[in-house]
């Protein structure tokens, strides 16, 4: 993936997170490596995680099969982007 597309892709994921869980912060304020859950994080909870799993499959075709995978993927924007890239076999997500 080209550098420019990668930045756009991070932005798309951030915008999706803000929209899906109705955060009251601008997407650009979320750092790529910032935790989404827990102390020092964005402040998401378990209901937000369920909404994100559904949105990731709908928006990017990235299926999270179980809670163990979800705990590894839904750590930060960076881990979500990596998961989507890995599961698209190198294809650029729409």
PDB file of N, CA and C in Angstrom:
ATOM      1  N   UNK A   1       0.838  -1.172   0.000  1.00  0.00           N
ATOM      2  CA  UNK A   1       0.000   0.000   0.000  1.00  0.00           C
ATOM      3  C   UNK A   1       0.888   1.241   0.000  1.00  0.00           C
ATOM      4  N   UNK A   2       0.544   2.203  -0.831  1.00  0.00           N
ATOM      5  CA  UNK A   2       1.334   3.424  -0.900  1.00  0.00           C
ATOM      6  C   UNK A   2       1.137   4.248   0.363  1.00  0.00           C
ATOM      7  N   UNK A   3       2.136   5.067   0.674  1.00  0.00           N
ATOM      8  CA  UNK A   3       2.080   5.892   1.885  1.00  0.00           C
ATOM      9  C   UNK A   3       0.832   6.775   1.910  1.00  0.00           C
ATOM     10  N   UNK A   4       0.514   7.444   0.825  1.00  0.00           N
ATOM     11  CA  UNK A   4      -0.655   8.329   0.774  1.00  0.00           C
ATOM     12  C   UNK A   4      -1.948   7.580   1.035  1.00  0.00           C
ATOM     13  N   UNK A   5      -2.100   6.417   0.416  1.00  0.00           N
ATOM     14  CA  UNK A   5      -3.289   5.609   0.628  1.00  0.00           C
ATOM     15  C   UNK A   5      -3.375   5.126   2.063  1.00  0.00           C
ATOM     16  N   UNK A   6      -2.227   4.810   2.651  1.00  0.00           N
ATOM     17  CA  UNK A   6      -2.205   4.319   4.020  1.00  0.00           C
ATOM     18  C   UNK A   6      -2.725   5.389   4.979  1.00  0.00           C
ATOM     19  N   UNK A   7      -2.320   6.631   4.773  1.00  0.00           N
ATOM     20  CA  UNK A   7      -2.796   7.724   5.622  1.00  0.00           C
ATOM     21  C   UNK A   7      -4.305   7.875   5.463  1.00  0.00           C
ATOM     22  N   UNK A   8      -4.799   7.836   4.234  1.00  0.00           N
ATOM     23  CA  UNK A   8      -6.231   7.925   3.983  1.00  0.00           C
ATOM     24  C   UNK A   8      -6.973   6.776   4.660  1.00  0.00           C
ATOM     25  N   UNK A   9      -6.378   5.596   4.640  1.00  0.00           N
ATOM     26  CA  UNK A   9      -6.999   4.422   5.221  1.00  0.00           C
ATOM     27  C   UNK A   9      -7.107   4.573   6.744  1.00  0.00           C
ATOM     28  N   UNK A  10      -6.066   5.070   7.378  1.00  0.00           N
ATOM     29  CA  UNK A  10      -6.123   5.340   8.824  1.00  0.00           C
ATOM     30  C   UNK A  10      -7.247   6.337   9.105  1.00  0.00           C
ATOM     31  N   UNK A  11      -7.348   7.374   8.285  1.00  0.00           N
ATOM     32  CA  UNK A  11      -8.404   8.376   8.462  1.00  0.00           C
ATOM     33  C   UNK A  11      -9.788   7.749   8.313  1.00  0.00           C
ATOM     34  N   UNK A  12      -9.940   6.866   7.334  1.00  0.00           N
ATOM     35  CA  UNK A  12     -11.238   6.187   7.136  1.00  0.00           C
ATOM     36  C   UNK A  12     -11.633   5.376   8.359  1.00  0.00           C
ATOM     37  N   UNK A  13     -10.666   4.655   8.930  1.00  0.00           N
ATOM     38  CA  UNK A  13     -10.941   3.846  10.116  1.00  0.00           C
ATOM     39  C   UNK A  13     -11.312   4.754  11.285  1.00  0.00           C
ATOM     40  N   UNK A  14     -10.585   5.847  11.475  1.00  0.00           N
ATOM     41  CA  UNK A  14     -10.888   6.781  12.564  1.00  0.00           C
ATOM     42  C   UNK A  14     -12.289   7.373  12.407  1.00  0.00           C
ATOM     43  N   UNK A  15     -12.631   7.779  11.191  1.00  0.00           N
ATOM     44  CA  UNK A  15     -13.961   8.352  10.941  1.00  0.00           C
ATOM     45  C   UNK A  15     -15.045   7.323  11.213  1.00  0.00           C
ATOM     46  N   UNK A  16     -14.797   6.072  10.823  1.00  0.00           N
ATOM     47  CA  UNK A  16     -15.769   5.012  11.072  1.00  0.00           C
ATOM     48  C   UNK A  16     -15.963   4.809  12.576  1.00  0.00           C
ATOM     49  N   UNK A  17     -14.871   4.801  13.335  1.00  0.00           N
ATOM     50  CA  UNK A  17     -14.958   4.608  14.788  1.00  0.00           C
ATOM     51  C   UNK A  17     -15.787   5.731  15.417  1.00  0.00           C
ATOM     52  N   UNK A  18     -15.471   6.979  15.078  1.00  0.00           N
ATOM     53  CA  UNK A  18     -16.181   8.126  15.652  1.00  0.00           C
ATOM     54  C   UNK A  18     -17.673   8.057  15.314  1.00  0.00           C
ATOM     55  N   UNK A  19     -17.978   7.701  14.070  1.00  0.00           N
ATOM     56  CA  UNK A  19     -19.379   7.639  13.636  1.00  0.00           C
ATOM     57  C   UNK A  19     -20.121   6.484  14.319  1.00  0.00           C
ATOM     58  N   UNK A  20     -19.529   5.301  14.307  1.00  0.00           N
ATOM     59  CA  UNK A  20     -20.201   4.098  14.814  1.00  0.00           C
ATOM     60  C   UNK A  20     -20.478   4.188  16.312  1.00  0.00           C
ATOM     61  N   UNK A  21     -19.505   4.667  17.082  1.00  0.00           N
ATOM     62  CA  UNK A  21     -19.696   4.713  18.540  1.00  0.00           C
ATOM     63  C   UNK A  21     -20.076   6.118  19.021  1.00  0.00           C
ATOM     64  N   UNK A  22     -20.359   7.017  18.067  1.00  0.00           N
ATOM     65  CA  UNK A  22     -20.839   8.357  18.368  1.00  0.00           C
ATOM     66  C   UNK A  22     -19.943   9.093  19.374  1.00  0.00           C
ATOM     67  N   UNK A  23     -18.651   9.088  19.086  1.00  0.00           N
ATOM     68  CA  UNK A  23     -17.701   9.807  19.943  1.00  0.00           C
ATOM     69  C   UNK A  23     -17.887  11.309  19.758  1.00  0.00           C
ATOM     70  N   UNK A  24     -17.600  12.045  20.783  1.00  0.00           N
ATOM     71  CA  UNK A  24     -17.739  13.503  20.743  1.00  0.00           C
ATOM     72  C   UNK A  24     -16.390  14.174  20.490  1.00  0.00           C
ATOM     73  N   UNK A  25     -15.508  13.466  19.794  1.00  0.00           N
ATOM     74  CA  UNK A  25     -14.189  14.020  19.463  1.00  0.00           C
ATOM     75  C   UNK A  25     -13.979  13.923  17.958  1.00  0.00           C
ATOM     76  N   UNK A  26     -13.162  14.814  17.398  1.00  0.00           N
ATOM     77  CA  UNK A  26     -12.887  14.716  15.955  1.00  0.00           C
ATOM     78  C   UNK A  26     -11.997  13.505  15.663  1.00  0.00           C
ATOM     79  N   UNK A  27     -12.220  12.842  14.527  1.00  0.00           N
ATOM     80  CA  UNK A  27     -11.414  11.659  14.180  1.00  0.00           C
ATOM     81  C   UNK A  27      -9.923  11.927  14.200  1.00  0.00           C
ATOM     82  N   UNK A  28      -9.513  13.130  13.769  1.00  0.00           N
ATOM     83  CA  UNK A  28      -8.074  13.427  13.687  1.00  0.00           C
ATOM     84  C   UNK A  28      -7.423  13.537  15.062  1.00  0.00           C
ATOM     85  N   UNK A  29      -8.213  13.598  16.124  1.00  0.00           N
ATOM     86  CA  UNK A  29      -7.621  13.664  17.466  1.00  0.00           C
ATOM     87  C   UNK A  29      -7.225  12.281  17.994  1.00  0.00           C
ATOM     88  N   UNK A  30      -7.642  11.227  17.298  1.00  0.00           N
ATOM     89  CA  UNK A  30      -7.272   9.865  17.705  1.00  0.00           C
ATOM     90  C   UNK A  30      -5.917   9.539  17.091  1.00  0.00           C
ATOM     91  N   UNK A  31      -4.965   9.186  17.937  1.00  0.00           N
ATOM     92  CA  UNK A  31      -3.640   8.800  17.439  1.00  0.00           C
ATOM     93  C   UNK A  31      -3.704   7.347  16.954  1.00  0.00           C
ATOM     94  N   UNK A  32      -2.892   7.021  15.946  1.00  0.00           N
ATOM     95  CA  UNK A  32      -2.916   5.672  15.358  1.00  0.00           C
ATOM     96  C   UNK A  32      -2.627   4.572  16.375  1.00  0.00           C
ATOM     97  N   UNK A  33      -1.767   4.860  17.348  1.00  0.00           N
ATOM     98  CA  UNK A  33      -1.361   3.835  18.311  1.00  0.00           C
ATOM     99  C   UNK A  33      -2.061   3.988  19.668  1.00  0.00           C
ATOM    100  N   UNK A  34      -2.945   4.972  19.788  1.00  0.00           N
ATOM    101  CA  UNK A  34      -3.658   5.206  21.050  1.00  0.00           C
ATOM    102  C   UNK A  34      -4.605   4.037  21.344  1.00  0.00           C
ATOM    103  N   UNK A  35      -4.600   3.543  22.592  1.00  0.00           N
ATOM    104  CA  UNK A  35      -5.531   2.458  22.928  1.00  0.00           C
ATOM    105  C   UNK A  35      -6.980   2.922  22.753  1.00  0.00           C
ATOM    106  N   UNK A  36      -7.830   2.032  22.257  1.00  0.00           N
ATOM    107  CA  UNK A  36      -9.233   2.376  22.098  1.00  0.00           C
ATOM    108  C   UNK A  36     -10.001   2.149  23.398  1.00  0.00           C
ATOM    109  N   UNK A  37      -9.492   1.240  24.249  1.00  0.00           N
ATOM    110  CA  UNK A  37     -10.160   0.886  25.505  1.00  0.00           C
ATOM    111  C   UNK A  37      -9.207   1.143  26.668  1.00  0.00           C
ATOM    112  N   UNK A  38      -9.764   1.333  27.863  1.00  0.00           N
ATOM    113  CA  UNK A  38      -8.952   1.431  29.066  1.00  0.00           C
ATOM    114  C   UNK A  38      -8.375   2.803  29.320  1.00  0.00           C
ATOM    115  N   UNK A  39      -7.569   2.868  30.383  1.00  0.00           N
ATOM    116  CA  UNK A  39      -6.962   4.126  30.817  1.00  0.00           C
ATOM    117  C   UNK A  39      -6.060   4.700  29.730  1.00  0.00           C
ATOM    118  N   UNK A  40      -6.178   5.996  29.516  1.00  0.00           N
ATOM    119  CA  UNK A  40      -5.354   6.660  28.510  1.00  0.00           C
ATOM    120  C   UNK A  40      -5.836   6.418  27.101  1.00  0.00           C
ATOM    121  N   UNK A  41      -6.942   5.705  26.984  1.00  0.00           N
ATOM    122  CA  UNK A  41      -7.463   5.379  25.665  1.00  0.00           C
ATOM    123  C   UNK A  41      -8.548   6.339  25.214  1.00  0.00           C
ATOM    124  N   UNK A  42      -9.217   5.950  24.155  1.00  0.00           N
ATOM    125  CA  UNK A  42     -10.288   6.752  23.573  1.00  0.00           C
ATOM    126  C   UNK A  42     -11.541   6.678  24.462  1.00  0.00           C
ATOM    127  N   UNK A  43     -11.674   5.602  25.224  1.00  0.00           N
ATOM    128  CA  UNK A  43     -12.796   5.483  26.151  1.00  0.00           C
ATOM    129  C   UNK A  43     -13.916   4.573  25.688  1.00  0.00           C
ATOM    130  N   UNK A  44     -13.608   3.627  24.812  1.00  0.00           N
ATOM    131  CA  UNK A  44     -14.641   2.711  24.330  1.00  0.00           C
ATOM    132  C   UNK A  44     -14.931   1.639  25.380  1.00  0.00           C
ATOM    133  N   UNK A  45     -16.145   1.051  25.273  1.00  0.00           N
ATOM    134  CA  UNK A  45     -16.524  -0.031  26.178  1.00  0.00           C
ATOM    135  C   UNK A  45     -16.933  -1.265  25.374  1.00  0.00           C
ATOM    136  N   UNK A  46     -17.415  -2.298  26.061  1.00  0.00           N
ATOM    137  CA  UNK A  46     -17.714  -3.572  25.386  1.00  0.00           C
ATOM    138  C   UNK A  46     -18.841  -3.441  24.357  1.00  0.00           C
ATOM    139  N   UNK A  47     -19.815  -2.585  24.591  1.00  0.00           N
ATOM    140  CA  UNK A  47     -20.865  -2.378  23.591  1.00  0.00           C
ATOM    141  C   UNK A  47     -20.289  -1.723  22.341  1.00  0.00           C
ATOM    142  N   UNK A  48     -19.371  -0.788  22.544  1.00  0.00           N
ATOM    143  CA  UNK A  48     -18.694  -0.156  21.407  1.00  0.00           C
ATOM    144  C   UNK A  48     -17.924  -1.197  20.596  1.00  0.00           C
ATOM    145  N   UNK A  49     -17.315  -2.159  21.295  1.00  0.00           N
ATOM    146  CA  UNK A  49     -16.554  -3.212  20.611  1.00  0.00           C
ATOM    147  C   UNK A  49     -17.467  -4.006  19.684  1.00  0.00           C
ATOM    148  N   UNK A  50     -18.656  -4.353  20.159  1.00  0.00           N
ATOM    149  CA  UNK A  50     -19.603  -5.098  19.315  1.00  0.00           C
ATOM    150  C   UNK A  50     -20.000  -4.287  18.089  1.00  0.00           C
ATOM    151  N   UNK A  51     -20.263  -3.013  18.285  1.00  0.00           N
ATOM    152  CA  UNK A  51     -20.633  -2.154  17.155  1.00  0.00           C
ATOM    153  C   UNK A  51     -19.482  -2.041  16.153  1.00  0.00           C
ATOM    154  N   UNK A  52     -18.256  -1.974  16.657  1.00  0.00           N
ATOM    155  CA  UNK A  52     -17.091  -1.890  15.773  1.00  0.00           C
ATOM    156  C   UNK A  52     -16.914  -3.166  14.960  1.00  0.00           C
ATOM    157  N   UNK A  53     -17.110  -4.318  15.595  1.00  0.00           N
ATOM    158  CA  UNK A  53     -16.969  -5.602  14.886  1.00  0.00           C
ATOM    159  C   UNK A  53     -17.938  -5.643  13.703  1.00  0.00           C
ATOM    160  N   UNK A  54     -19.181  -5.260  13.945  1.00  0.00           N
ATOM    161  CA  UNK A  54     -20.192  -5.255  12.877  1.00  0.00           C
ATOM    162  C   UNK A  54     -19.806  -4.252  11.783  1.00  0.00           C
ATOM    163  N   UNK A  55     -19.374  -3.061  12.191  1.00  0.00           N
ATOM    164  CA  UNK A  55     -19.017  -2.020  11.222  1.00  0.00           C
ATOM    165  C   UNK A  55     -17.798  -2.409  10.390  1.00  0.00           C
ATOM    166  N   UNK A  56     -16.813  -3.062  11.001  1.00  0.00           N
ATOM    167  CA  UNK A  56     -15.616  -3.473  10.256  1.00  0.00           C
ATOM    168  C   UNK A  56     -15.967  -4.492   9.177  1.00  0.00           C
ATOM    169  N   UNK A  57     -16.876  -5.399   9.505  1.00  0.00           N
ATOM    170  CA  UNK A  57     -17.271  -6.388   8.503  1.00  0.00           C
ATOM    171  C   UNK A  57     -18.065  -5.721   7.379  1.00  0.00           C
ATOM    172  N   UNK A  58     -18.962  -4.834   7.741  1.00  0.00           N
ATOM    173  CA  UNK A  58     -19.805  -4.160   6.753  1.00  0.00           C
ATOM    174  C   UNK A  58     -18.988  -3.218   5.868  1.00  0.00           C
ATOM    175  N   UNK A  59     -18.133  -2.416   6.477  1.00  0.00           N
ATOM    176  CA  UNK A  59     -17.386  -1.377   5.759  1.00  0.00           C
ATOM    177  C   UNK A  59     -16.180  -1.920   4.997  1.00  0.00           C
ATOM    178  N   UNK A  60     -15.460  -2.872   5.606  1.00  0.00           N
ATOM    179  CA  UNK A  60     -14.191  -3.325   5.025  1.00  0.00           C
ATOM    180  C   UNK A  60     -14.163  -4.814   4.696  1.00  0.00           C
ATOM    181  N   UNK A  61     -15.235  -5.541   5.021  1.00  0.00           N
ATOM    182  CA  UNK A  61     -15.251  -6.984   4.774  1.00  0.00           C
ATOM    183  C   UNK A  61     -14.311  -7.747   5.688  1.00  0.00           C
ATOM    184  N   UNK A  62     -13.916  -7.120   6.811  1.00  0.00           N
ATOM    185  CA  UNK A  62     -12.972  -7.748   7.739  1.00  0.00           C
ATOM    186  C   UNK A  62     -13.771  -8.444   8.837  1.00  0.00           C
ATOM    187  N   UNK A  63     -13.784  -9.758   8.808  1.00  0.00           N
ATOM    188  CA  UNK A  63     -14.566 -10.533   9.769  1.00  0.00           C
ATOM    189  C   UNK A  63     -13.708 -10.893  10.980  1.00  0.00           C
ATOM    190  N   UNK A  64     -14.197 -10.539  12.158  1.00  0.00           N
ATOM    191  CA  UNK A  64     -13.533 -10.906  13.408  1.00  0.00           C
ATOM    192  C   UNK A  64     -14.311 -12.096  13.964  1.00  0.00           C
ATOM    193  N   UNK A  65     -13.714 -13.302  13.906  1.00  0.00           N
ATOM    194  CA  UNK A  65     -14.471 -14.531  14.181  1.00  0.00           C
ATOM    195  C   UNK A  65     -14.829 -14.788  15.644  1.00  0.00           C
ATOM    196  N   UNK A  66     -14.047 -14.258  16.583  1.00  0.00           N
ATOM    197  CA  UNK A  66     -14.348 -14.535  17.991  1.00  0.00           C
ATOM    198  C   UNK A  66     -13.743 -13.467  18.892  1.00  0.00           C
ATOM    199  N   UNK A  67     -14.047 -13.562  20.189  1.00  0.00           N
ATOM    200  CA  UNK A  67     -13.614 -12.557  21.157  1.00  0.00           C
ATOM    201  C   UNK A  67     -12.097 -12.482  21.286  1.00  0.00           C
ATOM    202  N   UNK A  68     -11.404 -13.632  21.172  1.00  0.00           N
ATOM    203  CA  UNK A  68      -9.941 -13.613  21.292  1.00  0.00           C
ATOM    204  C   UNK A  68      -9.313 -12.786  20.172  1.00  0.00           C
ATOM    205  N   UNK A  69      -9.792 -12.988  18.955  1.00  0.00           N
ATOM    206  CA  UNK A  69      -9.291 -12.203  17.818  1.00  0.00           C
ATOM    207  C   UNK A  69      -9.664 -10.734  18.025  1.00  0.00           C
ATOM    208  N   UNK A  70     -10.880 -10.491  18.466  1.00  0.00           N
ATOM    209  CA  UNK A  70     -11.335  -9.124  18.707  1.00  0.00           C
ATOM    210  C   UNK A  70     -10.448  -8.380  19.690  1.00  0.00           C
ATOM    211  N   UNK A  71     -10.036  -9.063  20.766  1.00  0.00           N
ATOM    212  CA  UNK A  71      -9.170  -8.422  21.769  1.00  0.00           C
ATOM    213  C   UNK A  71      -7.818  -8.039  21.175  1.00  0.00           C
ATOM    214  N   UNK A  72      -7.345  -8.787  20.196  1.00  0.00           N
ATOM    215  CA  UNK A  72      -6.058  -8.480  19.555  1.00  0.00           C
ATOM    216  C   UNK A  72      -6.202  -7.386  18.498  1.00  0.00           C
ATOM    217  N   UNK A  73      -7.350  -7.376  17.807  1.00  0.00           N
ATOM    218  CA  UNK A  73      -7.557  -6.441  16.705  1.00  0.00           C
ATOM    219  C   UNK A  73      -7.994  -5.066  17.191  1.00  0.00           C
ATOM    220  N   UNK A  74      -8.902  -5.021  18.138  1.00  0.00           N
ATOM    221  CA  UNK A  74      -9.495  -3.755  18.566  1.00  0.00           C
ATOM    222  C   UNK A  74      -8.673  -3.055  19.650  1.00  0.00           C
ATOM    223  N   UNK A  75      -7.369  -3.057  19.469  1.00  0.00           N
ATOM    224  CA  UNK A  75      -6.467  -2.414  20.423  1.00  0.00           C
ATOM    225  C   UNK A  75      -6.308  -0.934  20.080  1.00  0.00           C
ATOM    226  N   UNK A  76      -6.049  -0.654  18.802  1.00  0.00           N
ATOM    227  CA  UNK A  76      -5.808   0.716  18.338  1.00  0.00           C
ATOM    228  C   UNK A  76      -6.184   0.804  16.862  1.00  0.00           C
ATOM    229  N   UNK A  77      -6.181   2.004  16.335  1.00  0.00           N
ATOM    230  CA  UNK A  77      -6.439   2.187  14.901  1.00  0.00           C
ATOM    231  C   UNK A  77      -5.403   1.399  14.099  1.00  0.00           C
ATOM    232  N   UNK A  78      -4.153   1.451  14.557  1.00  0.00           N
ATOM    233  CA  UNK A  78      -3.073   0.752  13.863  1.00  0.00           C
ATOM    234  C   UNK A  78      -3.327  -0.763  13.773  1.00  0.00           C
ATOM    235  N   UNK A  79      -3.769  -1.377  14.874  1.00  0.00           N
ATOM    236  CA  UNK A  79      -4.009  -2.829  14.849  1.00  0.00           C
ATOM    237  C   UNK A  79      -5.212  -3.176  13.974  1.00  0.00           C
ATOM    238  N   UNK A  80      -6.204  -2.296  13.931  1.00  0.00           N
ATOM    239  CA  UNK A  80      -7.366  -2.522  13.061  1.00  0.00           C
ATOM    240  C   UNK A  80      -6.937  -2.452  11.596  1.00  0.00           C
ATOM    241  N   UNK A  81      -6.163  -1.422  11.239  1.00  0.00           N
ATOM    242  CA  UNK A  81      -5.708  -1.257   9.856  1.00  0.00           C
ATOM    243  C   UNK A  81      -4.867  -2.466   9.434  1.00  0.00           C
ATOM    244  N   UNK A  82      -3.961  -2.906  10.306  1.00  0.00           N
ATOM    245  CA  UNK A  82      -3.122  -4.061   9.982  1.00  0.00           C
ATOM    246  C   UNK A  82      -3.983  -5.306   9.759  1.00  0.00           C
ATOM    247  N   UNK A  83      -4.964  -5.522  10.604  1.00  0.00           N
ATOM    248  CA  UNK A  83      -5.858  -6.683  10.463  1.00  0.00           C
ATOM    249  C   UNK A  83      -6.602  -6.635   9.127  1.00  0.00           C
ATOM    250  N   UNK A  84      -7.132  -5.468   8.777  1.00  0.00           N
ATOM    251  CA  UNK A  84      -7.863  -5.334   7.512  1.00  0.00           C
ATOM    252  C   UNK A  84      -6.930  -5.593   6.332  1.00  0.00           C
ATOM    253  N   UNK A  85      -5.735  -5.003   6.382  1.00  0.00           N
ATOM    254  CA  UNK A  85      -4.766  -5.214   5.295  1.00  0.00           C
ATOM    255  C   UNK A  85      -4.400  -6.699   5.177  1.00  0.00           C
ATOM    256  N   UNK A  86      -4.129  -7.349   6.300  1.00  0.00           N
ATOM    257  CA  UNK A  86      -3.747  -8.761   6.285  1.00  0.00           C
ATOM    258  C   UNK A  86      -4.872  -9.648   5.766  1.00  0.00           C
ATOM    259  N   UNK A  87      -6.098  -9.267   6.041  1.00  0.00           N
ATOM    260  CA  UNK A  87      -7.239 -10.085   5.638  1.00  0.00           C
ATOM    261  C   UNK A  87      -7.773  -9.738   4.266  1.00  0.00           C
ATOM    262  N   UNK A  88      -7.210  -8.745   3.632  1.00  0.00           N
ATOM    263  CA  UNK A  88      -7.565  -8.429   2.256  1.00  0.00           C
ATOM    264  C   UNK A  88      -6.512  -8.924   1.293  1.00  0.00           C
ATOM    265  N   UNK A  89      -5.631  -9.783   1.758  1.00  0.00           N
ATOM    266  CA  UNK A  89      -4.580 -10.394   0.930  1.00  0.00           C
ATOM    267  C   UNK A  89      -3.810  -9.371   0.114  1.00  0.00           C
ATOM    268  N   UNK A  90      -3.518  -8.235   0.742  1.00  0.00           N
ATOM    269  CA  UNK A  90      -2.727  -7.230   0.041  1.00  0.00           C
ATOM    270  C   UNK A  90      -3.525  -6.332  -0.861  1.00  0.00           C
ATOM    271  N   UNK A  91      -4.834  -6.604  -1.022  1.00  0.00           N
ATOM    272  CA  UNK A  91      -5.666  -5.746  -1.850  1.00  0.00           C
ATOM    273  C   UNK A  91      -5.956  -4.472  -1.073  1.00  0.00           C
ATOM    274  N   UNK A  92      -5.995  -3.358  -1.777  1.00  0.00           N
ATOM    275  CA  UNK A  92      -6.325  -2.091  -1.128  1.00  0.00           C
ATOM    276  C   UNK A  92      -7.823  -2.056  -0.828  1.00  0.00           C
ATOM    277  N   UNK A  93      -8.213  -1.785   0.416  1.00  0.00           N
ATOM    278  CA  UNK A  93      -9.636  -1.723   0.737  1.00  0.00           C
ATOM    279  C   UNK A  93     -10.308  -0.587  -0.016  1.00  0.00           C
ATOM    280  N   UNK A  94     -11.580  -0.754  -0.374  1.00  0.00           N
ATOM    281  CA  UNK A  94     -12.290   0.268  -1.139  1.00  0.00           C
ATOM    282  C   UNK A  94     -12.305   1.537  -0.361  1.00  0.00           C
TER     283      UNK A  94
END
